[in-house]
Protein backbone atom coordinates (compact mmCIF):
# COMPACT_ATOMS: atom_id res chain seq x y z
CA MET A 1 11.44 -18.75 84.74
CA ASP A 2 10.99 -17.67 88.83
CA ILE A 3 14.64 -17.95 90.25
CA ARG A 4 14.57 -18.95 93.87
CA LEU A 5 17.69 -18.26 96.13
CA TYR A 6 18.48 -18.84 99.81
CA ASP A 7 18.74 -15.16 101.47
CA SER A 8 21.71 -15.53 104.90
CA PHE A 9 19.46 -13.02 105.65
CA SER A 10 15.88 -13.33 105.63
CA ASN A 11 17.35 -17.36 106.21
CA ARG A 12 14.61 -18.42 103.79
CA VAL A 13 14.13 -19.49 99.94
CA GLU A 14 13.25 -16.34 98.31
CA THR A 15 11.97 -15.46 95.05
CA PHE A 16 14.26 -13.67 93.24
CA VAL A 17 13.22 -9.88 92.11
CA PRO A 18 16.07 -7.76 90.83
CA LEU A 19 16.33 -3.86 91.89
CA ARG A 20 16.32 -2.98 88.26
CA GLU A 21 14.38 -4.92 85.30
CA GLY A 22 16.66 -7.43 83.41
CA HIS A 23 19.59 -6.79 85.66
CA VAL A 24 21.54 -7.88 87.90
CA ASP A 25 24.14 -6.02 90.19
CA MET A 26 26.53 -8.99 91.91
CA TYR A 27 29.02 -8.50 94.47
CA VAL A 28 31.61 -10.93 95.88
CA CYS A 29 34.29 -9.99 98.54
CA GLY A 30 37.51 -11.18 96.74
CA PRO A 31 41.42 -12.26 98.23
CA THR A 32 43.26 -10.44 100.94
CA VAL A 33 46.34 -10.78 98.58
CA TYR A 34 49.15 -11.54 100.62
CA ASN A 35 49.49 -15.34 99.76
CA TYR A 36 48.52 -18.17 97.12
CA VAL A 37 45.13 -19.17 97.32
CA HIS A 38 43.74 -22.46 99.02
CA ILE A 39 41.54 -24.79 96.91
CA GLY A 40 38.28 -23.11 99.32
CA ASN A 41 39.13 -19.90 98.38
CA MET A 42 37.83 -20.92 94.85
CA ARG A 43 34.58 -22.06 95.94
CA PRO A 44 33.09 -18.56 95.72
CA VAL A 45 35.18 -18.35 92.79
CA VAL A 46 32.98 -21.30 91.20
CA VAL A 47 30.06 -20.92 92.87
CA PHE A 48 29.24 -17.04 91.87
CA ASP A 49 30.53 -17.95 88.54
CA VAL A 50 27.82 -20.31 87.45
CA LEU A 51 25.26 -18.07 89.10
CA ARG A 52 26.48 -15.27 86.92
CA ARG A 53 26.39 -17.78 83.66
CA PHE A 54 23.20 -18.46 84.77
CA PHE A 55 21.37 -15.50 85.32
CA GLU A 56 23.09 -14.93 81.24
CA ARG A 57 21.78 -17.50 80.45
CA VAL A 58 17.72 -17.35 81.43
CA GLY A 59 18.18 -13.85 79.78
CA TYR A 60 19.49 -11.26 82.56
CA THR A 61 22.47 -8.48 82.16
CA VAL A 62 24.94 -9.09 84.79
CA THR A 63 27.21 -6.42 86.43
CA PHE A 64 29.95 -8.90 88.68
CA VAL A 65 32.30 -6.97 90.58
CA SER A 66 34.56 -9.02 93.06
CA ASN A 67 37.34 -6.78 94.99
CA TYR A 68 41.09 -7.03 96.19
CA THR A 69 42.19 -6.37 99.42
CA ASP A 70 45.68 -4.33 98.64
CA VAL A 71 45.85 -2.59 102.59
CA ASP A 72 46.29 -5.29 105.21
CA ASP A 73 49.20 -5.92 108.42
CA LYS A 74 49.33 -9.41 106.43
CA ILE A 75 50.50 -7.94 102.87
CA ILE A 76 52.61 -5.49 105.12
CA ASN A 77 54.45 -8.04 106.90
CA LYS A 78 54.78 -10.09 104.25
CA ALA A 79 56.63 -6.93 102.33
CA LEU A 80 58.56 -6.03 105.66
CA GLU A 81 59.71 -9.89 105.45
CA GLU A 82 61.13 -9.75 101.82
CA GLY A 83 62.16 -6.31 101.60
CA LYS A 84 59.55 -5.41 99.10
CA GLY A 85 56.69 -2.70 98.61
CA GLU A 86 53.38 -4.00 99.35
CA LYS A 87 52.17 -2.50 95.83
CA GLU A 88 54.39 -5.07 94.75
CA ILE A 89 53.29 -7.88 96.79
CA ALA A 90 49.59 -7.03 95.98
CA ASP A 91 50.62 -7.39 92.29
CA PHE A 92 52.11 -10.52 92.51
CA PHE A 93 49.77 -12.04 94.08
CA ILE A 94 46.48 -9.92 92.17
CA LYS A 95 47.83 -12.30 89.14
CA ALA A 96 48.81 -15.44 90.74
CA TYR A 97 45.25 -15.22 92.02
CA ALA A 98 43.93 -14.57 88.58
CA ASP A 99 45.75 -17.36 87.00
CA SER A 100 43.87 -19.85 89.16
CA VAL A 101 40.22 -18.17 88.45
CA SER A 102 41.31 -18.26 84.98
CA ASN A 103 42.17 -22.28 85.18
CA ILE A 104 39.44 -23.04 86.99
CA HIS A 105 37.80 -22.02 83.65
CA SER A 106 35.71 -18.99 85.49
CA ARG A 107 35.33 -15.61 83.82
CA LEU A 108 37.16 -12.90 86.19
CA PRO A 109 34.59 -9.98 87.62
CA ASP A 110 33.33 -7.07 85.17
CA VAL A 111 35.12 -4.87 87.93
CA THR A 112 38.08 -5.27 90.11
CA PRO A 113 38.51 -2.57 92.76
CA ARG A 114 41.23 -2.40 95.04
CA VAL A 115 41.20 -0.98 98.30
CA THR A 116 44.06 1.62 97.32
CA GLU A 117 42.55 3.00 94.53
CA TYR A 118 38.89 4.22 97.09
CA MET A 119 41.21 5.80 99.62
CA PRO A 120 39.57 9.28 99.26
CA LYS A 121 36.26 7.31 99.04
CA ILE A 122 36.68 5.44 102.48
CA ILE A 123 38.01 7.86 104.43
CA ASP A 124 35.10 10.21 103.19
CA PHE A 125 32.82 7.46 103.99
CA ILE A 126 34.16 6.96 107.33
CA GLY A 127 33.53 11.07 108.08
CA GLN A 128 30.14 10.37 107.36
CA LEU A 129 29.57 8.24 110.19
CA VAL A 130 31.55 10.06 112.30
CA LYS A 131 29.53 13.05 111.30
CA VAL A 132 25.82 10.67 111.97
CA GLY A 133 27.13 9.95 115.48
CA ALA A 134 27.75 6.02 113.99
CA ALA A 135 31.18 6.11 114.49
CA TYR A 136 33.76 7.88 117.00
CA VAL A 137 37.79 9.41 117.64
CA VAL A 138 39.66 8.54 119.87
CA ASP A 139 43.47 9.48 119.92
CA GLY A 140 43.33 9.18 116.10
CA ASP A 141 41.48 5.81 115.07
CA VAL A 142 38.02 5.63 114.69
CA TYR A 143 35.41 2.78 115.37
CA PHE A 144 32.21 2.17 114.94
CA ARG A 145 29.25 2.55 117.35
CA VAL A 146 27.42 -1.16 117.12
CA ALA A 147 24.79 0.56 119.52
CA SER A 148 23.69 3.72 117.23
CA ILE A 149 22.06 0.61 114.95
CA LYS A 150 19.66 -1.91 115.62
CA ASP A 151 19.19 -5.66 115.60
CA TYR A 152 23.35 -5.61 114.90
CA GLY A 153 24.42 -9.14 114.04
CA HIS A 154 20.99 -10.33 112.31
CA LEU A 155 22.64 -11.58 109.69
CA SER A 156 25.01 -14.14 111.43
CA ASN A 157 22.34 -15.00 114.40
CA MET A 158 24.39 -13.56 116.50
CA LYS A 159 22.89 -11.66 119.93
CA ILE A 160 24.81 -8.95 121.15
CA ASP A 161 23.84 -9.94 124.75
CA ASP A 162 25.74 -12.95 123.73
CA LEU A 163 28.55 -11.93 121.87
CA LEU A 164 29.08 -9.43 125.34
CA VAL A 165 29.47 -12.19 127.54
CA GLY A 166 32.03 -13.86 124.82
CA ALA A 167 33.89 -10.94 124.45
CA ARG A 168 37.63 -10.02 125.64
CA ILE A 169 37.36 -6.62 127.29
CA GLU A 170 41.27 -5.42 126.79
CA GLU A 171 42.64 -3.01 129.58
CA ASN A 172 42.28 0.46 128.94
CA SER A 173 40.47 -0.03 125.92
CA LYS A 174 39.67 2.93 123.67
CA LYS A 175 36.44 1.40 122.27
CA GLU A 176 33.49 2.27 124.19
CA SER A 177 32.28 -1.61 123.62
CA PRO A 178 34.05 -4.18 122.84
CA LEU A 179 31.56 -5.37 119.95
CA ASP A 180 32.90 -1.86 118.47
CA PHE A 181 35.30 -2.35 115.36
CA THR A 182 37.91 -0.25 113.62
CA LEU A 183 36.95 1.96 110.71
CA TRP A 184 40.08 3.89 110.83
CA LYS A 185 43.63 2.80 112.21
CA SER A 186 46.71 5.46 112.90
CA THR A 187 49.93 4.08 112.40
CA ASP A 188 53.14 4.73 111.42
CA VAL A 189 54.37 0.90 110.22
CA GLY A 190 53.69 -0.08 106.24
CA ILE A 191 51.52 1.98 103.91
CA ALA A 192 49.65 4.81 104.98
CA TRP A 193 47.45 8.09 104.06
CA GLU A 194 46.43 10.97 105.51
CA SER A 195 42.92 11.32 106.86
CA PRO A 196 41.24 13.98 109.26
CA TRP A 197 41.88 12.05 112.23
CA SER A 198 45.44 10.64 112.15
CA ARG A 199 47.97 9.12 109.50
CA GLY A 200 47.26 5.69 108.57
CA ARG A 201 44.70 2.75 106.74
CA PRO A 202 41.05 1.74 107.49
CA GLY A 203 39.92 -1.36 108.67
CA TRP A 204 39.09 -4.50 106.86
CA HIS A 205 35.16 -3.80 106.96
CA THR A 206 34.82 -0.54 105.42
CA GLU A 207 35.75 -1.06 101.83
CA CYS A 208 33.44 -3.35 100.11
CA VAL A 209 30.77 -1.20 101.17
CA VAL A 210 31.82 1.88 100.04
CA MET A 211 32.81 0.02 96.84
CA VAL A 212 29.33 -0.57 96.51
CA ASN A 213 28.39 2.59 97.03
CA SER A 214 30.70 3.74 94.47
CA ILE A 215 30.34 1.02 91.57
CA PHE A 216 26.08 0.40 92.17
CA PRO A 217 23.35 2.28 91.57
CA ASN A 218 21.08 3.68 94.64
CA LYS A 219 24.04 2.60 97.08
CA MET A 220 22.15 -1.54 96.99
CA ILE A 221 22.79 -4.45 95.15
CA ASP A 222 20.84 -7.57 94.46
CA ILE A 223 23.42 -9.68 95.91
CA HIS A 224 26.23 -9.90 97.90
CA GLY A 225 28.00 -13.14 98.27
CA GLY A 226 31.10 -14.84 99.87
CA GLY A 227 32.06 -17.52 102.15
CA PHE A 228 30.04 -19.00 105.08
CA ASP A 229 33.31 -17.66 107.27
CA LEU A 230 32.64 -14.26 106.42
CA LYS A 231 29.13 -14.08 107.66
CA PHE A 232 30.46 -12.86 111.43
CA PRO A 233 31.76 -10.00 111.44
CA HIS A 234 32.42 -8.92 108.17
CA HIS A 235 29.21 -9.31 106.81
CA ASP A 236 27.65 -8.02 109.83
CA ASN A 237 29.67 -5.08 109.95
CA GLU A 238 29.15 -4.47 106.21
CA ILE A 239 25.41 -4.48 106.85
CA ALA A 240 25.52 -2.36 110.07
CA GLN A 241 27.57 1.15 108.08
CA SER A 242 25.66 0.52 105.62
CA GLN A 243 22.48 0.98 108.16
CA ALA A 244 24.07 3.45 109.90
CA LEU A 245 24.06 5.94 106.45
CA ASN A 246 22.35 4.63 103.37
CA HIS A 247 19.43 2.70 105.71
CA ASN A 248 19.58 0.19 104.31
CA ASN A 249 21.36 -3.45 104.26
CA LEU A 250 23.88 -2.85 101.15
CA ALA A 251 22.14 -6.07 99.48
CA HIS A 252 18.67 -7.90 98.87
CA TYR A 253 20.06 -10.60 98.68
CA TRP A 254 22.64 -12.58 100.96
CA MET A 255 24.55 -15.43 99.44
CA HIS A 256 27.31 -17.68 101.05
CA ASN A 257 29.13 -20.92 100.09
CA GLY A 258 30.25 -23.61 102.06
CA PHE A 259 33.92 -24.83 103.40
CA ILE A 260 35.90 -27.14 102.11
CA ASN A 261 36.97 -30.36 104.37
CA LEU A 262 39.96 -32.71 103.28
CA ASN A 263 39.12 -36.13 104.42
CA ASN A 264 36.35 -35.34 106.19
CA GLU A 265 38.56 -32.26 108.23
CA LYS A 266 38.19 -29.01 108.04
CA MET A 267 40.96 -27.18 106.29
CA SER A 268 43.17 -25.02 108.56
CA LYS A 269 46.61 -23.91 108.45
CA SER A 270 47.53 -25.00 112.09
CA LEU A 271 46.48 -28.57 111.20
CA GLY A 272 48.40 -28.12 107.82
CA ASN A 273 46.06 -29.69 105.47
CA VAL A 274 45.73 -26.56 103.54
CA VAL A 275 45.70 -27.42 99.71
CA LEU A 276 47.24 -24.53 97.75
CA ALA A 277 44.43 -23.79 94.57
CA LYS A 278 47.10 -23.72 92.09
CA ASP A 279 48.77 -26.96 93.26
CA ALA A 280 45.25 -28.66 92.95
CA ILE A 281 44.59 -27.01 89.39
CA ALA A 282 47.93 -28.48 88.16
CA GLN A 283 47.59 -31.60 89.60
CA TYR A 284 44.31 -32.58 88.30
CA GLY A 285 43.29 -30.15 86.13
CA GLY A 286 40.83 -26.96 86.12
CA ASN A 287 37.80 -28.79 84.57
CA THR A 288 38.32 -31.95 87.52
CA ILE A 289 38.36 -29.39 90.62
CA ARG A 290 35.35 -27.19 89.16
CA LEU A 291 33.38 -30.68 88.72
CA LEU A 292 34.27 -31.58 92.01
CA LEU A 293 33.61 -27.75 93.84
CA LEU A 294 30.09 -28.38 91.95
CA SER A 295 28.94 -31.77 92.79
CA THR A 296 27.69 -30.69 96.24
CA HIS A 297 25.29 -28.09 96.72
CA TYR A 298 27.04 -24.70 97.54
CA ARG A 299 25.37 -24.33 101.02
CA ALA A 300 26.88 -27.74 101.97
CA PRO A 301 30.07 -28.64 102.73
CA VAL A 302 32.25 -29.94 99.65
CA ASN A 303 34.28 -33.44 101.21
CA VAL A 304 38.23 -33.84 99.31
CA THR A 305 39.94 -37.25 99.32
CA PRO A 306 41.77 -39.16 96.83
CA GLU A 307 38.88 -41.32 96.17
CA ILE A 308 36.38 -38.22 95.18
CA ILE A 309 38.57 -36.68 93.36
CA ALA A 310 39.24 -40.27 90.93
CA SER A 311 35.44 -40.49 91.08
CA ASN A 312 35.33 -36.57 89.61
CA GLU A 313 37.93 -37.77 87.27
CA ALA A 314 36.29 -40.49 85.51
CA GLU A 315 32.71 -38.69 85.33
CA LEU A 316 34.77 -35.89 83.70
CA ALA A 317 36.33 -38.48 81.00
CA LYS A 318 32.98 -39.81 80.34
CA MET A 319 31.73 -37.04 79.31
CA GLU A 320 34.55 -35.66 77.45
CA ASN A 321 34.47 -39.02 75.63
CA ALA A 322 30.98 -38.82 74.52
CA PHE A 323 30.62 -35.73 73.63
CA ARG A 324 33.55 -35.59 71.18
CA GLN A 325 32.47 -38.69 69.48
CA LEU A 326 29.03 -37.13 69.38
CA SER A 327 31.01 -34.06 67.72
CA VAL A 328 32.95 -36.39 65.42
CA ALA A 329 29.89 -38.57 64.59
CA ILE A 330 27.70 -35.64 63.27
CA GLN A 331 30.45 -34.50 61.48
CA LEU A 332 31.16 -37.42 59.63
CA ALA A 333 27.69 -37.95 58.69
CA GLY A 334 28.19 -35.00 56.62
CA GLU A 335 26.04 -31.99 58.80
CA THR A 336 28.19 -28.74 60.48
CA LEU A 337 28.13 -28.53 64.41
CA PRO A 338 25.32 -26.77 65.48
CA THR A 339 25.98 -23.09 67.39
CA LYS A 340 22.14 -21.76 68.06
CA PRO A 341 21.47 -22.30 71.95
CA SER A 342 19.55 -25.25 73.12
CA ASN A 343 15.90 -25.30 73.44
CA ASN A 344 16.23 -28.74 75.64
CA ILE A 345 17.35 -27.63 78.78
CA ASP A 346 14.83 -26.52 80.50
CA VAL A 347 15.17 -28.99 83.05
CA PHE A 348 18.59 -28.51 83.91
CA LEU A 349 17.67 -24.57 84.05
CA GLU A 350 14.75 -25.15 86.73
CA ALA A 351 17.25 -27.22 88.71
CA LEU A 352 19.45 -24.05 88.52
CA ALA A 353 16.46 -22.08 89.57
CA ASP A 354 16.00 -23.99 92.50
CA ASP A 355 18.63 -22.08 94.60
CA LEU A 356 21.61 -22.70 92.04
CA ASN A 357 20.99 -26.52 92.93
CA THR A 358 24.25 -28.04 90.74
CA SER A 359 24.36 -30.78 92.39
CA ASN A 360 20.24 -31.90 90.50
CA ALA A 361 22.08 -30.01 87.10
CA LEU A 362 24.64 -32.05 87.07
CA MET A 363 22.08 -35.17 87.52
CA VAL A 364 20.51 -34.26 84.19
CA LEU A 365 23.71 -33.68 83.04
CA PHE A 366 24.47 -36.81 83.63
CA ALA A 367 21.60 -38.53 81.61
CA ALA A 368 21.73 -36.31 78.62
CA ILE A 369 25.71 -38.51 78.47
CA LYS A 370 23.85 -41.74 79.19
CA GLU A 371 21.59 -40.93 76.60
CA THR A 372 24.60 -39.65 74.27
CA ASN A 373 26.20 -43.24 74.24
CA LEU A 374 23.34 -44.47 73.32
CA VAL A 375 22.46 -42.86 70.29
CA LEU A 376 26.14 -43.06 69.27
CA ARG A 377 25.54 -47.32 69.77
CA THR A 378 22.12 -46.73 67.29
CA ARG A 379 22.94 -47.61 63.59
CA PRO A 380 21.64 -45.30 61.52
CA LEU A 381 22.60 -42.44 63.50
CA ASN A 382 19.71 -40.64 64.60
CA LEU A 383 21.34 -37.16 63.02
CA GLU A 384 18.23 -34.91 64.32
CA LYS A 385 18.57 -36.33 67.70
CA ALA A 386 22.81 -36.43 67.67
CA LYS A 387 22.19 -32.37 66.63
CA SER A 388 20.14 -31.15 69.31
CA LEU A 389 21.99 -33.41 72.60
CA PHE A 390 24.79 -31.72 70.75
CA GLN A 391 23.24 -28.30 71.23
CA SER A 392 22.55 -29.24 75.69
CA LEU A 393 25.60 -30.52 75.58
CA ARG A 394 27.56 -27.57 75.00
CA ASP A 395 25.13 -24.95 76.53
CA MET A 396 25.25 -27.04 79.82
CA PHE A 397 29.01 -27.65 79.86
CA SER A 398 29.02 -23.69 79.14
CA ILE A 399 26.67 -22.80 82.09
CA LEU A 400 28.42 -24.96 84.72
CA GLY A 401 32.00 -23.86 82.79
CA LEU A 402 33.36 -26.90 82.00
CA HIS A 403 35.95 -26.77 79.16
CA ILE A 404 34.98 -29.32 76.74
CA ASP A 405 35.96 -29.39 73.57
CA SER A 406 35.14 -30.61 70.45
CA PRO A 407 37.19 -31.39 67.46
CA PHE A 408 36.41 -29.93 63.98
CA LEU A 409 37.11 -32.41 61.53
CA THR A 410 39.02 -31.15 58.27
CA GLU A 411 38.56 -32.99 55.07
CA GLU A 412 41.98 -35.03 55.82
CA ASP A 413 40.65 -35.88 59.43
CA LYS A 414 37.54 -37.40 57.23
CA ARG A 415 39.75 -39.68 55.50
CA LEU A 416 41.98 -40.59 58.32
CA TYR A 417 38.92 -41.63 60.27
CA GLU A 418 37.29 -43.59 57.15
CA SER A 419 40.92 -45.73 56.98
CA TYR A 420 40.31 -46.37 60.99
CA LEU A 421 37.12 -48.11 60.50
CA ALA A 422 38.29 -49.79 57.13
CA ALA A 423 41.30 -51.07 58.89
CA LYS A 424 39.33 -52.33 61.87
CA ASN A 425 36.58 -53.56 59.98
CA ALA A 426 39.23 -55.81 57.90
CA LYS A 427 40.95 -56.90 61.21
CA ASP A 428 43.93 -55.34 60.48
CA PHE A 429 44.78 -54.37 64.06
CA ALA A 430 48.61 -53.24 64.02
CA LYS A 431 47.04 -49.96 61.07
CA SER A 432 44.43 -49.42 63.20
CA ASP A 433 46.08 -49.35 65.78
CA GLU A 434 48.61 -46.58 64.27
CA ILE A 435 45.75 -44.71 62.83
CA ARG A 436 43.76 -44.97 66.47
CA GLN A 437 46.68 -42.97 67.84
CA LYS A 438 46.81 -40.36 65.17
CA LEU A 439 43.36 -39.79 66.14
CA MET A 440 43.97 -39.40 69.62
CA ALA A 441 46.55 -37.01 69.39
CA ARG A 442 43.76 -35.01 66.66
CA LYS A 443 41.22 -35.79 69.88
CA ILE A 444 39.20 -37.10 67.51
CA LEU A 445 39.18 -40.31 69.54
């Protein structure tokens, strides 16, 4: 199967060719852990979790890494405000973030490196940039020399001349150019480390490059992902450093997901319309939020309104009901539920192979739900068709990360269900309603 992905660097859909046969190395920028994440931060979590699951389903071994930025002015300020240490703040919000990832039914990455764990390597990396002339030291600060590389800003399609026109040139600036960015900051406020230049801490843009170089072979990965807002300057600056030292673009493919809008407005703290992920998940459930985020192609914006949420809740209820009733029907027919992977989801997989088109993949899933309801209404039950649909639905749910259970019937459950049908057929509605409540409590109905 050919897998096609949109590469933000080349600005076109490319056929995926792994650097190592049968393996996918993927890195996604993680959160700065100073506060609870908002619902927009969950979009790359869900998008790249599905991409990982898809790769695994079609036979690849995936190494998935996503970092925690636990060194940042925002963390230091939060620690000062609350009278706590930076590590205490970071640990608390890392756990909160991991809880949201789990509650939206995404798997945690294989490796979750923290900046504080890589400080010696970060300092060494910056030193190498200085040594090759791609960085320079001024009064204990270290800056990357953007002029040392060609085509700076290529990923975001930014032109240096345009950037220079729009840049604010500070008076008495230490930088050679307003485009040069900080690699090391001399400071005596908050957490800091000794370096050859000063006591201080690193800038934001170096950590991911160092982690990729340290964790993956050949200092190069297949896929680097994140939100669209990271293109410039963060990812452009990562590429610049990797080009200067390793003479590569850090990643073979760059993938970026679109924004989330609330009631057709971009989420913004200044507008006061930011929704925390933990609150949205608690109110609507992980499946509903996940389905909402997958309902639109990952590169397009997702609009969130009460009506759209309600529509996703209704679709989810249809899926849950059809799958559970299919499970019940198979077991009541005296069969065990299939456990082998389905061989009938090629169209679904082809949709995902086409630049992770989850909206088209969901159309295949919805069609299978309609077919399931038709099979459930037909008597006698076509058992082979029912079992095939069960396998297909289970696998599609799993790849999309939708947690929809299939009830396992005990002998008591089966007797109770037969009693329900008998009471219903006898039009003993009081008794059938009583049994129905028991069956619903067991998620059989």
